Amino acid sequence: MVYRHRIKNICVVKENSRSTVLLSLREASESIRRGDLSPTDLVESSVDKINSLNPRLNAFITVVEKEKLIKKALVAEKEIKNGKYRGPSHGIPYSIKDIIYAKGIRCTSGSKILADYIPKSSATVVKRMMDAGAILVGTNNMNEFASGITGINPFYGSSKNPWDTSRLSGGSSGGSAVAVATGMVYFSLGTDTGGSVRVPASLCGVVGLKPTYGKISRHNIFPLSSTLDHVGCVTRSVWDAAAILECIGGRDLCDDATVYNNNNDIQPFTKDMGEPSLKGKRIGVLKEYFCEHLHPEIADLFHEFTEFLHSAGAKVFLILKLSHSSRFYDSWRNIRLPEAANVHRKWLKSTRASEYSHEVRQMLVEGMKIPAVDYLLSIRIVKDIKNDLAAIFAAQDLDAFIVPTTIIPAPQFDEETVVVCKDFVLETRQSLLRNTILFNSTGLPSISIPIGLTKKDNLPVGAQIIGPPFQEENILSIAYSYECIKSKKYVPQLD
C-alpha cells in the first residue's frame, strides 16, 4: 500500500502501513477494519507529524506524552482484534481546542491566567469521544479565551496557515484547522461563537461543521458567550464531520441548551447521506450582504460553485433581499461582548486584570459598557431575523442557503485592515467575521467546505451551506454530494 504526501520541494513516499498523512477519518477507519493499518501506526504517524510540523505551524499548545498514546493505541488494537469495534473513531488520533476540558490535560484557554490549569473532569464531548474509542493527542492553539478570529495569540505564539505561513490560519480554532489540514490529526473538536470553526476551516482548506445551537453539549468547556457558543468539528471530509456529529451530539443533562431542544436526537448521518446526488435539491443564494464586497477571486469561485450545483441538478434560487442586514454585526456584537464580560467580571476587577492581553482586556471593558437595553434589543432583533429566515426557507421550500464563508482569502499577519474590493476597506477581524456571525446569532446549522484555490496566491476558499434548525442532514447531504461529485482534495504544500 502506497500513500503520498507532498510538502513543497519534498515528496515523501512510504510503502509501509504508517504512511497515513492524506487519509481521511473514513479511509483510516476502513484501513483499520481491514487490518491494513493499526491504531499504533496512526498514533506514531500523528506524533511524528506533530514533532516535524508543529515547531513551524504552532498548531498545538499541549501534546500528550507518546508513551501514554501508544498504550491507548494498544488497548484499541486489542479491542478491535477481539471483535469489540466501537465505530469509525476507534483508535483514531484527534485533538481538541485548548478551551475544552480533558481530565488531567492542561487547558489554558489560550490565556496567561489559566496557563497551569489542569481540569479534574472532562467535557461531555471528550467523554463521548472516549466512549467511541478515539485517542486524544493534545490541545490546539487558539485566540486568547476564544476572543478572536485570527489565530493570533500573544502568549503561546500564533498558529500559521499551512498554505502560506506568512498568513493567518483564522481563529479562534486556528490550531485545530492547521492540525487537520496537515495530517497531524484526523479531526479536531472546536468552538464557534462567531465563526471560530468555519473561518479557519475555510482559510486552511478543510471542512468545518457548526451544528444547530444546542445540538452538542458545551458542558466543561470554558464559555465565551452562552447565547452564541456552539461546539463543532474540523475534519478532512464531510463524511468525517457527519461521523463525529453522531458521536458527540445529542442531549446532555449538564447543558440545558441540549435538554430543551426537541429535535435533538442523533440520526445515523453517515448512513442517511446515501448515494451522492444534488438532483432536486432546492438551494437559496443569499445575495444581499453576504455576496457584497467579495474579493474578486472569491466572487469567481463562489459563482463557479453555484453553477456547479445547478449543473449537477440542484435548483438554485437567488434571495436578493434580506431584512435587518444592516443590523447583523451590531446585534451579534451587542450580545457577544457583554456576555463575555460577565464571564470574566471577577478577574477584570481583581489583580488578574493585568494578565489579559491588551486586545482582550479592551474587548471585555467594551462589553461592560454596553447598556442592558442594547443587549435586550439585540436579542429581539435576532429573533426577528431568525423568523425572517424561517419564512424564506418555507416560502421557497428550500433545503439550504449558501454563502461564501469569508469575503477575503487568508490575510497576511501584518494586515490590520484589508481592501476587500476596489475602495472598500474593512478591519481584518470584521471582514473575516462578516459572513459567519449571523448563523451563531440565529443558531442555524452551517458547514464550510473548500470550493477552490485562488489563482494569484493559491489560497483556499470556502463556501457555507446553512440549513433550518436541527436539519443537519440537509447541509451534510448537499456538502457530501458536492464533495463526492467534484472529487477534489486540497492539500497544503509547505515551503
Protein backbone atom coordinates (compact mmCIF):
# COMPACT_ATOMS: atom_id res chain seq x y z
CA MET A 1 0.00 0.00 0.00
CA VAL A 2 1.45 3.38 -1.02
CA TYR A 3 0.30 6.78 0.23
CA ARG A 4 1.85 10.04 -0.91
CA HIS A 5 2.19 13.41 0.81
CA ARG A 6 3.87 16.34 -0.88
CA ILE A 7 5.48 19.09 1.10
CA LYS A 8 6.86 21.63 -1.34
CA ASN A 9 10.26 20.51 -2.66
CA ILE A 10 9.94 17.22 -0.73
CA CYS A 11 7.96 14.21 -1.92
CA VAL A 12 7.62 11.64 0.83
CA VAL A 13 6.64 8.17 -0.35
CA LYS A 14 6.32 5.46 2.30
CA GLU A 15 5.36 1.92 1.44
CA ASN A 16 4.54 0.77 4.94
CA SER A 17 1.34 0.89 6.92
CA ARG A 18 2.32 4.03 8.85
CA SER A 19 2.19 6.40 5.86
CA THR A 20 -1.21 7.96 6.61
CA VAL A 21 -0.89 11.69 6.08
CA LEU A 22 -3.52 12.04 3.34
CA LEU A 23 -6.08 9.68 4.80
CA SER A 24 -9.44 10.95 5.97
CA LEU A 25 -11.06 9.56 9.10
CA ARG A 26 -13.25 7.37 6.90
CA GLU A 27 -10.28 5.98 4.97
CA ALA A 28 -8.21 5.42 8.12
CA SER A 29 -11.05 3.62 9.91
CA GLU A 30 -11.71 1.38 6.90
CA SER A 31 -7.99 0.53 6.75
CA ILE A 32 -8.07 -0.38 10.46
CA ARG A 33 -11.05 -2.68 9.94
CA ARG A 34 -9.30 -4.38 7.00
CA GLY A 35 -6.14 -4.81 9.07
CA ASP A 36 -4.03 -2.68 6.71
CA LEU A 37 -3.36 -0.17 9.49
CA SER A 38 -3.36 -0.28 13.26
CA PRO A 39 -4.09 2.41 15.86
CA THR A 40 -0.42 2.26 16.82
CA ASP A 41 0.54 3.10 13.23
CA LEU A 42 -1.78 6.08 13.28
CA VAL A 43 -0.58 7.37 16.65
CA GLU A 44 3.10 7.08 15.72
CA SER A 45 2.45 8.83 12.41
CA SER A 46 0.50 11.58 14.19
CA VAL A 47 3.24 12.15 16.76
CA ASP A 48 5.90 12.19 14.01
CA LYS A 49 4.00 14.85 12.10
CA ILE A 50 3.46 16.98 15.19
CA ASN A 51 7.16 16.80 16.02
CA SER A 52 8.04 17.70 12.44
CA LEU A 53 5.49 20.39 11.63
CA ASN A 54 4.35 21.94 14.89
CA PRO A 55 7.55 23.94 15.54
CA ARG A 56 6.78 25.83 12.32
CA LEU A 57 2.99 25.95 12.38
CA ASN A 58 2.29 26.22 16.13
CA ALA A 59 -0.93 24.21 15.99
CA PHE A 60 -0.65 22.67 19.48
CA ILE A 61 -0.29 24.10 22.98
CA THR A 62 -0.11 20.75 24.81
CA VAL A 63 0.73 17.30 23.40
CA VAL A 64 0.15 14.12 25.40
CA GLU A 65 3.26 12.00 26.06
CA LYS A 66 3.91 9.47 23.32
CA GLU A 67 4.14 6.56 25.76
CA LYS A 68 0.60 7.23 27.04
CA LEU A 69 -0.73 7.47 23.49
CA ILE A 70 0.88 4.19 22.48
CA LYS A 71 -0.67 2.45 25.50
CA LYS A 72 -4.11 3.69 24.45
CA ALA A 73 -3.47 2.61 20.87
CA LEU A 74 -2.51 -0.89 22.01
CA VAL A 75 -5.71 -1.14 24.04
CA ALA A 76 -7.71 -0.09 20.96
CA GLU A 77 -5.90 -2.67 18.84
CA LYS A 78 -6.72 -5.44 21.29
CA GLU A 79 -10.39 -4.43 21.44
CA ILE A 80 -10.69 -4.35 17.66
CA LYS A 81 -8.95 -7.72 17.22
CA ASN A 82 -11.33 -9.20 19.80
CA GLY A 83 -14.36 -8.01 17.83
CA LYS A 84 -15.18 -5.07 20.09
CA TYR A 85 -15.06 -2.44 17.34
CA ARG A 86 -16.80 0.73 18.52
CA GLY A 87 -17.11 2.60 15.22
CA PRO A 88 -15.13 4.79 12.82
CA SER A 89 -13.37 6.81 15.54
CA HIS A 90 -11.99 3.73 17.30
CA GLY A 91 -8.20 4.01 17.51
CA ILE A 92 -8.11 7.33 15.62
CA PRO A 93 -5.88 10.20 16.88
CA TYR A 94 -7.69 13.51 17.35
CA SER A 95 -7.24 16.84 19.12
CA ILE A 96 -9.34 19.42 20.93
CA LYS A 97 -9.27 23.18 21.06
CA ASP A 98 -7.47 24.29 24.22
CA ILE A 99 -10.73 25.53 25.74
CA ILE A 100 -12.29 22.06 26.05
CA TYR A 101 -11.58 20.23 29.29
CA ALA A 102 -9.94 16.81 29.28
CA LYS A 103 -9.22 15.33 32.68
CA GLY A 104 -5.55 15.56 33.60
CA ILE A 105 -4.52 17.50 30.49
CA ARG A 106 -3.58 21.17 30.79
CA CYS A 107 -6.24 23.54 29.44
CA THR A 108 -5.04 27.14 29.12
CA SER A 109 -7.92 28.59 27.08
CA GLY A 110 -5.09 30.27 25.20
CA SER A 111 -4.56 32.56 28.20
CA LYS A 112 -1.92 33.52 30.73
CA ILE A 113 -4.48 33.40 33.54
CA LEU A 114 -5.14 29.67 33.09
CA ALA A 115 -1.61 28.76 31.99
CA ASP A 116 -1.32 25.98 34.59
CA TYR A 117 -4.94 24.88 34.87
CA ILE A 118 -5.49 21.11 34.78
CA PRO A 119 -9.16 20.03 34.69
CA LYS A 120 -10.37 17.42 37.16
CA SER A 121 -13.11 16.21 34.83
CA SER A 122 -13.65 16.07 31.09
CA ALA A 123 -16.11 17.82 28.81
CA THR A 124 -19.09 15.75 27.70
CA VAL A 125 -17.77 15.77 24.11
CA VAL A 126 -14.41 14.36 25.26
CA LYS A 127 -16.16 11.64 27.26
CA ARG A 128 -18.24 10.72 24.21
CA MET A 129 -15.16 10.54 22.01
CA MET A 130 -13.52 8.35 24.66
CA ASP A 131 -16.56 6.06 24.57
CA ALA A 132 -16.14 5.91 20.79
CA GLY A 133 -12.54 4.75 21.23
CA ALA A 134 -10.81 7.85 19.82
CA ILE A 135 -7.33 8.73 21.09
CA LEU A 136 -6.82 12.30 22.31
CA VAL A 137 -3.39 13.53 21.18
CA GLY A 138 -3.42 17.05 22.60
CA THR A 139 -4.89 20.55 22.70
CA ASN A 140 -4.81 23.04 19.86
CA ASN A 141 -3.65 26.63 19.82
CA MET A 142 -6.29 29.35 19.76
CA ASN A 143 -7.01 33.01 20.31
CA GLU A 144 -6.90 34.01 23.98
CA PHE A 145 -10.17 32.93 25.64
CA ALA A 146 -11.53 32.36 22.10
CA SER A 147 -11.80 36.15 21.77
CA GLY A 148 -10.66 36.47 18.19
CA ILE A 149 -10.98 35.24 14.63
CA THR A 150 -7.33 35.45 13.53
CA GLY A 151 -5.43 32.67 15.31
CA ILE A 152 -3.05 35.25 16.78
CA ASN A 153 -2.03 34.53 20.38
CA PRO A 154 0.45 36.72 22.32
CA PHE A 155 1.20 34.09 24.95
CA TYR A 156 1.66 30.84 23.00
CA GLY A 157 2.54 32.19 19.59
CA SER A 158 0.20 32.29 16.62
CA SER A 159 -0.92 29.32 14.55
CA LYS A 160 0.24 29.71 10.95
CA ASN A 161 -1.59 28.96 7.75
CA PRO A 162 -0.03 25.85 6.18
CA TRP A 163 -0.72 27.16 2.68
CA ASP A 164 1.40 30.24 3.34
CA THR A 165 3.00 30.65 6.76
CA SER A 166 3.07 34.42 6.40
CA ARG A 167 -0.74 34.38 6.53
CA LEU A 168 -3.36 33.91 9.24
CA SER A 169 -4.82 30.49 9.95
CA GLY A 170 -8.04 32.09 11.12
CA GLY A 171 -9.39 31.51 14.61
CA SER A 172 -10.22 31.13 17.25
CA SER A 173 -9.97 27.39 16.45
CA GLY A 174 -6.95 28.09 14.25
CA GLY A 175 -4.72 25.37 15.65
CA SER A 176 -7.45 22.81 15.06
CA ALA A 177 -7.71 23.67 11.37
CA VAL A 178 -3.93 23.66 10.91
CA ALA A 179 -3.57 20.29 12.65
CA VAL A 180 -6.24 18.67 10.46
CA ALA A 181 -5.11 20.31 7.21
CA THR A 182 -1.57 18.98 7.63
CA GLY A 183 -2.45 15.50 8.84
CA MET A 184 -1.21 15.93 12.41
CA VAL A 185 -4.60 14.54 13.47
CA TYR A 186 -7.64 13.20 11.66
CA PHE A 187 -10.14 15.57 13.23
CA SER A 188 -10.39 18.19 15.94
CA LEU A 189 -13.17 19.48 18.18
CA GLY A 190 -13.55 23.25 18.47
CA THR A 191 -15.94 26.00 19.48
CA ASP A 192 -17.65 28.55 17.27
CA THR A 193 -19.12 31.80 18.65
CA GLY A 194 -18.82 33.99 15.58
CA GLY A 195 -17.22 31.71 13.01
CA SER A 196 -14.37 30.19 15.01
CA VAL A 197 -14.66 26.72 13.42
CA ARG A 198 -15.81 27.70 9.94
CA VAL A 199 -13.42 30.60 9.26
CA PRO A 200 -10.16 28.72 9.98
CA ALA A 201 -11.55 25.69 8.14
CA SER A 202 -12.13 27.88 5.10
CA LEU A 203 -8.74 29.60 5.25
CA CYS A 204 -6.92 26.28 5.69
CA GLY A 205 -8.85 24.27 3.08
CA VAL A 206 -10.70 21.78 5.31
CA VAL A 207 -14.27 21.11 6.45
CA GLY A 208 -15.75 22.97 9.43
CA LEU A 209 -19.14 21.98 10.89
CA LYS A 210 -21.15 24.12 13.32
CA PRO A 211 -24.40 22.30 14.08
CA THR A 212 -27.60 23.84 15.40
CA TYR A 213 -27.37 25.70 18.71
CA GLY A 214 -27.88 23.10 21.42
CA LYS A 215 -27.10 20.12 19.21
CA ILE A 216 -23.82 19.45 21.05
CA SER A 217 -23.18 19.83 24.78
CA ARG A 218 -20.92 22.64 25.99
CA HIS A 219 -20.51 21.15 29.47
CA ASN A 220 -16.98 21.60 30.85
CA ILE A 221 -15.94 23.95 28.08
CA PHE A 222 -14.78 27.41 29.11
CA PRO A 223 -17.53 29.81 27.92
CA LEU A 224 -17.28 32.91 25.79
CA SER A 225 -20.94 33.81 25.17
CA SER A 226 -23.66 31.44 26.36
CA THR A 227 -26.17 32.66 23.79
CA LEU A 228 -23.79 32.26 20.86
CA ASP A 229 -21.38 29.45 21.78
CA HIS A 230 -21.56 26.32 19.64
CA VAL A 231 -19.36 23.22 19.61
CA GLY A 232 -18.26 21.94 16.22
CA CYS A 233 -15.57 19.94 14.48
CA VAL A 234 -12.87 20.34 11.86
CA THR A 235 -12.34 17.38 9.53
CA ARG A 236 -10.80 16.42 6.20
CA SER A 237 -14.11 15.37 4.62
CA VAL A 238 -17.84 15.85 5.02
CA TRP A 239 -18.41 12.17 5.85
CA ASP A 240 -15.91 12.57 8.69
CA ALA A 241 -17.84 15.54 10.08
CA ALA A 242 -21.07 13.53 9.98
CA ALA A 243 -19.40 10.66 11.83
CA ILE A 244 -18.11 12.97 14.56
CA LEU A 245 -21.53 14.57 14.97
CA GLU A 246 -23.00 11.12 15.50
CA CYS A 247 -20.52 10.57 18.34
CA ILE A 248 -20.76 13.85 20.23
CA GLY A 249 -24.24 15.23 19.55
CA GLY A 250 -27.46 14.85 21.47
CA ARG A 251 -28.92 15.64 24.85
CA ASP A 252 -26.81 16.16 27.95
CA LEU A 253 -28.43 16.84 31.30
CA CYS A 254 -25.46 19.04 32.19
CA ASP A 255 -26.29 21.52 29.39
CA ASP A 256 -29.82 22.94 29.36
CA ALA A 257 -29.42 24.12 25.77
CA THR A 258 -29.36 20.48 24.66
CA VAL A 259 -32.11 19.31 27.00
CA TYR A 260 -34.84 21.69 25.88
CA ASN A 261 -34.32 21.35 22.14
CA ASN A 262 -37.00 18.98 20.91
CA ASN A 263 -35.32 17.67 17.75
CA ASN A 264 -32.02 16.76 19.36
CA ASP A 265 -31.99 13.01 18.78
CA ILE A 266 -28.91 11.99 16.82
CA GLN A 267 -29.51 10.39 13.44
CA PRO A 268 -27.18 7.95 11.67
CA PHE A 269 -25.99 10.76 9.42
CA THR A 270 -23.32 8.71 7.66
CA LYS A 271 -25.91 6.13 6.61
CA ASP A 272 -28.59 8.64 5.70
CA MET A 273 -26.36 10.51 3.23
CA GLY A 274 -26.63 7.57 0.83
CA GLU A 275 -25.53 7.91 -2.79
CA PRO A 276 -24.22 11.39 -3.64
CA SER A 277 -26.77 13.36 -5.63
CA LEU A 278 -27.74 17.02 -5.94
CA LYS A 279 -30.76 16.43 -8.16
CA GLY A 280 -33.85 18.17 -6.88
CA LYS A 281 -32.07 19.95 -4.02
CA ARG A 282 -33.51 23.42 -3.53
CA ILE A 283 -30.81 25.90 -2.60
CA GLY A 284 -31.05 29.64 -1.98
CA VAL A 285 -28.14 32.02 -2.58
CA LEU A 286 -28.25 34.87 -0.05
CA LYS A 287 -27.12 37.72 -2.29
CA GLU A 288 -27.69 40.81 -0.16
CA TYR A 289 -24.95 41.45 2.41
CA PHE A 290 -23.24 38.04 2.05
CA CYS A 291 -22.24 38.42 -1.61
CA GLU A 292 -21.47 42.12 -1.44
CA HIS A 293 -17.87 43.34 -1.22
CA LEU A 294 -16.36 39.97 -2.12
CA HIS A 295 -12.70 39.65 -3.05
CA PRO A 296 -12.79 39.20 -6.88
CA GLU A 297 -11.34 35.68 -6.81
CA ILE A 298 -13.78 34.59 -4.10
CA ALA A 299 -16.64 36.03 -6.17
CA ASP A 300 -15.46 33.98 -9.16
CA LEU A 301 -15.05 30.75 -7.20
CA PHE A 302 -18.40 31.13 -5.46
CA HIS A 303 -20.07 31.74 -8.84
CA GLU A 304 -18.42 28.56 -10.16
CA PHE A 305 -19.70 26.74 -7.06
CA THR A 306 -23.31 27.82 -7.65
CA GLU A 307 -23.06 26.97 -11.35
CA PHE A 308 -21.74 23.52 -10.48
CA LEU A 309 -24.64 22.89 -8.11
CA HIS A 310 -27.07 23.92 -10.85
CA SER A 311 -25.35 21.77 -13.50
CA ALA A 312 -25.48 18.77 -11.13
CA GLY A 313 -29.26 19.03 -10.85
CA ALA A 314 -29.88 21.36 -7.93
CA LYS A 315 -32.43 24.13 -8.22
CA VAL A 316 -30.70 27.36 -7.28
CA PHE A 317 -32.69 30.43 -6.23
CA LEU A 318 -31.37 33.95 -5.72
CA ILE A 319 -32.54 35.57 -2.48
CA LEU A 320 -31.99 39.22 -3.30
CA LYS A 321 -33.38 40.96 -0.24
CA LEU A 322 -32.89 40.28 3.48
CA SER A 323 -34.42 42.07 6.44
CA HIS A 324 -32.23 43.73 9.08
CA SER A 325 -28.97 43.13 7.17
CA SER A 326 -27.58 46.43 8.44
CA ARG A 327 -28.02 45.08 11.99
CA PHE A 328 -26.37 41.68 11.58
CA TYR A 329 -22.99 42.70 13.01
CA ASP A 330 -24.12 45.07 15.76
CA SER A 331 -26.78 42.69 17.09
CA TRP A 332 -24.19 39.91 17.32
CA ARG A 333 -21.62 42.22 18.92
CA ASN A 334 -24.08 43.58 21.50
CA ILE A 335 -24.74 40.04 22.70
CA ARG A 336 -21.24 38.61 22.45
CA LEU A 337 -19.30 41.38 24.25
CA PRO A 338 -21.43 41.80 27.40
CA GLU A 339 -21.85 38.05 27.84
CA ALA A 340 -18.08 37.61 27.65
CA ALA A 341 -17.57 40.48 30.09
CA ASN A 342 -19.94 38.77 32.50
CA VAL A 343 -17.87 35.57 32.36
CA HIS A 344 -14.69 37.49 33.20
CA ARG A 345 -16.02 40.16 35.55
CA LYS A 346 -14.32 38.78 38.70
CA TRP A 347 -10.90 38.61 37.09
CA LEU A 348 -11.39 42.03 35.49
CA LYS A 349 -11.98 43.53 38.92
CA SER A 350 -9.02 41.75 40.52
CA THR A 351 -5.25 41.91 40.20
CA ARG A 352 -5.51 39.35 37.39
CA ALA A 353 -6.79 42.03 35.01
CA SER A 354 -3.17 42.77 34.05
CA GLU A 355 -2.74 39.19 32.83
CA TYR A 356 -5.06 39.68 29.86
CA SER A 357 -3.61 40.85 26.57
CA HIS A 358 -4.40 44.47 25.80
CA GLU A 359 -6.76 43.48 22.97
CA VAL A 360 -8.85 41.06 25.01
CA ARG A 361 -8.97 43.34 28.05
CA GLN A 362 -10.26 46.16 25.82
CA MET A 363 -12.99 43.89 24.41
CA LEU A 364 -14.09 42.92 27.89
CA VAL A 365 -14.13 46.55 29.04
CA GLU A 366 -16.24 47.42 25.98
CA GLY A 367 -18.63 44.64 26.93
CA MET A 368 -19.05 46.08 30.43
CA LYS A 369 -20.15 49.40 28.90
CA ILE A 370 -22.89 48.09 26.60
CA PRO A 371 -26.26 49.10 28.10
CA ALA A 372 -28.74 46.38 29.05
CA VAL A 373 -31.30 47.98 26.76
CA ASP A 374 -28.97 47.46 23.75
CA TYR A 375 -28.39 43.85 24.76
CA LEU A 376 -32.12 43.15 25.07
CA LEU A 377 -32.87 44.94 21.81
CA SER A 378 -30.27 42.80 20.03
CA ILE A 379 -31.86 39.63 21.42
CA ARG A 380 -35.19 40.78 19.96
CA ILE A 381 -33.64 41.70 16.60
CA VAL A 382 -32.04 38.27 16.34
CA LYS A 383 -35.43 36.62 16.94
CA ASP A 384 -36.90 38.72 14.13
CA ILE A 385 -34.05 37.77 11.79
CA LYS A 386 -34.48 34.10 12.62
CA ASN A 387 -38.20 34.32 11.85
CA ASP A 388 -37.44 36.07 8.55
CA LEU A 389 -35.02 33.34 7.51
CA ALA A 390 -37.52 30.65 8.50
CA ALA A 391 -40.10 32.37 6.32
CA ILE A 392 -37.73 32.31 3.33
CA PHE A 393 -37.00 28.61 3.87
CA ALA A 394 -40.73 27.90 3.97
CA ALA A 395 -41.80 30.17 1.09
CA GLN A 396 -39.27 28.68 -1.33
CA ASP A 397 -39.35 25.17 0.20
CA LEU A 398 -35.56 25.35 0.44
CA ASP A 399 -33.22 22.66 1.70
CA ALA A 400 -30.40 25.12 2.38
CA PHE A 401 -28.87 28.56 1.89
CA ILE A 402 -25.37 29.05 0.52
CA VAL A 403 -22.94 31.95 1.01
CA PRO A 404 -19.14 32.38 0.84
CA THR A 405 -17.57 31.53 4.20
CA THR A 406 -15.32 34.58 4.15
CA ILE A 407 -15.24 37.58 1.85
CA ILE A 408 -11.42 37.51 1.64
CA PRO A 409 -8.74 34.78 1.43
CA ALA A 410 -6.30 34.39 4.32
CA PRO A 411 -4.71 37.81 5.02
CA GLN A 412 -1.12 38.49 5.98
CA PHE A 413 -0.24 38.67 9.69
CA ASP A 414 0.51 42.38 9.49
CA GLU A 415 -2.71 43.38 7.73
CA GLU A 416 -4.86 45.21 10.28
CA THR A 417 -7.20 46.34 7.52
CA VAL A 418 -7.86 44.82 4.11
CA VAL A 419 -9.06 46.27 0.83
CA VAL A 420 -11.90 43.89 0.13
CA CYS A 421 -12.79 45.12 -3.34
CA LYS A 422 -11.98 48.35 -5.14
CA ASP A 423 -12.07 51.05 -2.45
CA PHE A 424 -13.99 49.13 0.21
CA VAL A 425 -11.79 48.78 3.31
CA LEU A 426 -12.61 46.78 6.45
CA GLU A 427 -10.75 45.80 9.60
CA THR A 428 -9.35 42.31 9.11
CA ARG A 429 -11.35 40.98 12.06
CA GLN A 430 -14.65 42.31 10.75
CA SER A 431 -14.01 41.08 7.22
CA LEU A 432 -13.38 37.52 8.47
CA LEU A 433 -16.47 37.55 10.71
CA ARG A 434 -18.84 39.18 8.24
CA ASN A 435 -20.40 36.07 6.69
CA THR A 436 -20.44 33.74 9.70
CA ILE A 437 -21.77 35.66 12.72
CA LEU A 438 -25.44 35.57 11.68
CA PHE A 439 -25.57 31.80 11.95
CA ASN A 440 -24.31 32.00 15.53
CA SER A 441 -26.92 34.62 16.38
CA THR A 442 -29.70 32.57 14.81
CA GLY A 443 -28.25 29.18 15.81
CA LEU A 444 -28.73 27.67 12.34
CA PRO A 445 -26.57 24.69 11.35
CA SER A 446 -23.77 25.57 8.97
CA ILE A 447 -20.91 23.74 7.30
CA SER A 448 -17.94 25.27 5.48
CA ILE A 449 -16.41 23.23 2.65
CA PRO A 450 -13.49 24.05 0.36
CA ILE A 451 -14.53 25.08 -3.15
CA GLY A 452 -11.23 26.02 -4.76
CA LEU A 453 -7.96 27.92 -4.62
CA THR A 454 -7.21 31.49 -5.61
CA LYS A 455 -5.15 31.77 -8.78
CA LYS A 456 -2.82 34.50 -7.58
CA ASP A 457 -1.70 33.11 -4.22
CA ASN A 458 -3.01 29.51 -4.24
CA LEU A 459 -5.08 30.05 -1.09
CA PRO A 460 -8.16 28.00 -0.12
CA VAL A 461 -11.67 29.43 -0.40
CA GLY A 462 -14.71 28.03 1.37
CA ALA A 463 -18.48 28.14 0.98
CA GLN A 464 -21.05 27.75 3.73
CA ILE A 465 -24.15 25.61 3.44
CA ILE A 466 -26.80 26.59 6.01
CA GLY A 467 -29.92 24.66 6.91
CA PRO A 468 -33.08 25.05 9.01
CA PRO A 469 -32.75 24.28 12.74
CA PHE A 470 -31.91 20.64 13.54
CA GLN A 471 -31.84 19.67 9.87
CA GLU A 472 -28.13 18.88 9.72
CA GLU A 473 -28.97 16.10 7.29
CA ASN A 474 -29.79 18.76 4.67
CA ILE A 475 -26.44 20.50 4.76
CA LEU A 476 -24.43 17.29 5.18
CA SER A 477 -26.15 15.69 2.20
CA ILE A 478 -25.52 18.67 -0.08
CA ALA A 479 -21.92 19.12 1.10
CA TYR A 480 -21.21 15.39 0.78
CA SER A 481 -22.69 15.20 -2.71
CA TYR A 482 -20.70 18.22 -3.88
CA GLU A 483 -17.51 16.79 -2.40
CA CYS A 484 -18.01 13.37 -4.00
CA ILE A 485 -19.08 14.63 -7.42
CA LYS A 486 -16.39 17.32 -7.57
CA SER A 487 -13.83 14.77 -6.30
CA LYS A 488 -11.17 17.34 -5.47
CA LYS A 489 -8.93 17.28 -2.41
CA TYR A 490 -6.94 20.25 -1.15
CA VAL A 491 -3.56 19.56 0.45
CA PRO A 492 -1.22 22.37 1.57
CA GLN A 493 2.33 22.44 0.25
CA LEU A 494 4.74 23.89 2.76
CA ASP A 495 7.95 25.65 1.80
